[in-house]
Amino acid sequence: MKHPQLFLRMVGAGLFLSLMFGCATPATPTFLPPTVAPTIPIPTATAQPTVKPSPTLVQMPKGPGVEWRLVIISESTGWGLGTAFAKQIEKDVGVKVVVDSFAIGNLSAGEVLQVLQTGKGFSPHLEELPAALKRADVVVMFASPMLSLDAATTNNIESCFSGLAPTRCDPKNFEGYTAHLKGIWAKVIELRAGQPTILRAIDVASPFVKNWKRSQTFDACTVCWQGISDSVRQAAEAYHIPFVSRYDAFNGPKHDQDPAENGYIGGDGIHPSNKADQITSEMLARLGYEPTLPQK
């Protein structure tokens, strides 16, 4: 089915993009994007973040009978992560974990920011996100950049999905994406209202490395993919939020490894496997379970 959003307008690239960001049928229902791509202003208020970690030693509640709520904000590469990380937390901490999953096919940073700013989203489920964040104990986020980019950068990334030759992505063109991610984290912190919360940022691995090498587009597409990862990292660092790179873990330090060869890609050839979700959970666990606290 053809969606009218920016990242599905190129017919040749649409199949690859929809598989990556979530039009394939998952085990649980997905929610379709809006009929018209929303216009999301870049939040100027987050250009210079002022939130810093608090020196106050506050611990997360632990022990038998304690319940943590884990909120996953992601496009389709996060479908299995909530279950995997919940089990990891329960094993490590000994609390019960309830998952509020907003791992929704095609979910973009622009759409997440819109629902946090206005309360309005493209589905009733997404509109539950602000309330879920108010009661969250752990928040893990990655959202697609495709509504946060200019047309040239969007076209370049679409080309990388389809194996066509892109021009090199200009890192400056990811500034809108970085600003949207900063805006999301600012709203998450605002909704938590000083309550101890574990905040974690993740990026996305590329399942297309083998195709890029075959089509001789590896160098150009790697620059584009690195731009996505860098934005996620920069937005997280602005709020002192720990970051886990699935791109580094599953594509290797030079980002030249095919994750499928190591069992990190599932049967559809696009999405993370159960093994990849488990390893991501273990990497998140190694960051510890100390809360990320705002200082007012």
Foldseek 3Di string as FASTA:
>chain_A
DAAPALLRPDPLLNVLLQVQQPPPDDPDDAADAANDDDDFDQDPVLPQDDWEFDPDQDFDDADPPAEAEEEEAAGQLCPPQQVLLQVVCCVPGVHHYHYLYNHHGQFALRQLLVCLVPLDHRDPSSSCVLVSLLRHQEYEYDGHHQSQFDSLLSVQLSCLSNLHAHAADDLVRCVSVLSSLLSNVVSSQVSPVFPFHQYEYEADAFQRLVSCVVSVRNVRNVNSSVSRVVSRVVSCVSNVHYYDYLNCVQCHVVNNRNNVVVVQADPVSHHGDPVVSNVVSVVSCVVPSGTRGTDD
